[in-house]
Protein backbone atom coordinates (compact mmCIF):
# COMPACT_ATOMS: atom_id res chain seq x y z
CA MET A 1 -12.85 -12.83 9.86
CA LYS A 2 -11.63 -9.27 9.33
CA LYS A 3 -8.13 -8.44 10.48
CA PHE A 4 -7.27 -5.21 12.27
CA LEU A 5 -4.36 -3.26 10.85
CA THR A 6 -1.44 -2.60 13.15
CA PRO A 7 -0.39 1.03 13.61
CA HIS A 8 2.66 0.31 11.44
CA GLU A 9 0.52 -1.18 8.67
CA LEU A 10 -1.81 1.81 8.77
CA ALA A 11 1.16 4.18 8.57
CA THR A 12 2.54 2.17 5.65
CA LEU A 13 -0.83 2.34 3.90
CA LEU A 14 -0.72 6.13 4.22
CA LEU A 15 2.86 6.19 2.93
CA VAL A 16 1.82 4.22 -0.13
CA LEU A 17 -0.80 6.87 -0.80
CA LEU A 18 1.33 9.93 -0.09
CA ALA A 19 4.96 8.92 -0.72
CA PRO A 20 5.30 5.51 -2.39
CA THR A 21 8.94 6.11 -3.30
CA GLN A 22 9.83 6.32 0.40
CA ILE A 23 8.97 2.68 1.17
CA SER A 24 11.30 -0.26 0.79
CA LEU A 25 9.70 -3.06 -1.19
CA THR A 26 11.08 -5.47 1.42
CA ASP A 27 9.31 -3.73 4.32
CA PRO A 28 7.45 -6.39 6.34
CA ASP A 29 4.43 -4.12 6.82
CA LEU A 30 4.21 -3.58 3.07
CA ASN A 31 4.37 -7.34 2.58
CA ALA A 32 1.54 -7.83 5.09
CA LEU A 33 -0.58 -5.25 3.27
CA GLN A 34 0.16 -6.96 -0.02
CA GLN A 35 -0.93 -10.33 1.40
CA ASP A 36 -4.16 -8.71 2.58
CA SER A 37 -4.70 -7.33 -0.97
CA LEU A 38 -4.58 -3.72 0.22
CA VAL A 39 -1.45 -2.88 -1.77
CA GLU A 40 0.05 -4.16 -5.00
CA ILE A 41 3.51 -3.71 -6.46
CA THR A 42 3.46 -2.44 -10.03
CA SER A 43 5.92 -1.10 -12.55
CA VAL A 44 5.97 2.66 -12.90
CA ALA A 45 5.77 2.69 -16.68
CA PRO A 46 5.76 0.19 -19.55
CA ASP A 47 9.12 1.52 -20.73
CA ALA A 48 10.62 1.06 -17.23
CA PRO A 49 9.55 -2.43 -16.10
CA ASP A 50 12.38 -2.61 -13.55
CA VAL A 51 11.10 0.39 -11.59
CA LEU A 52 8.53 -0.92 -9.14
CA LEU A 53 6.38 1.02 -6.69
CA PRO A 54 3.62 0.06 -4.29
CA ARG A 55 0.11 1.17 -5.16
CA LEU A 56 -3.15 1.03 -3.24
CA THR A 57 -5.75 -1.45 -4.40
CA ALA A 58 -9.44 -0.59 -4.33
CA GLN A 59 -9.64 -2.27 -0.91
CA GLY A 60 -6.75 -0.16 0.40
CA GLU A 61 -8.37 3.00 -0.91
CA ALA A 62 -11.66 2.02 0.75
CA ILE A 63 -9.97 1.67 4.14
CA LEU A 64 -8.38 5.09 3.89
CA LYS A 65 -11.66 6.58 2.70
CA LYS A 66 -13.38 5.22 5.82
CA LEU A 67 -10.80 7.00 7.95
CA ASN A 68 -11.39 10.31 6.17
CA PRO A 69 -14.78 10.27 4.44
CA ALA A 70 -14.55 13.93 3.37
């Protein structure tokens, strides 16, 4: 069964797209999105493996595309 996103999860999904450095990796909404495979946490660069940022998965991108198909 498909799960509806909460307003906070939707806002967090948009933040991941527009300002990923502004989100705490311990944010519960980010964790929920990660469990739903909408977001993944990745290292910024191979030479900086300790610097982690959230990134949209293909599923996360698809949800945002449905909201703004243009």
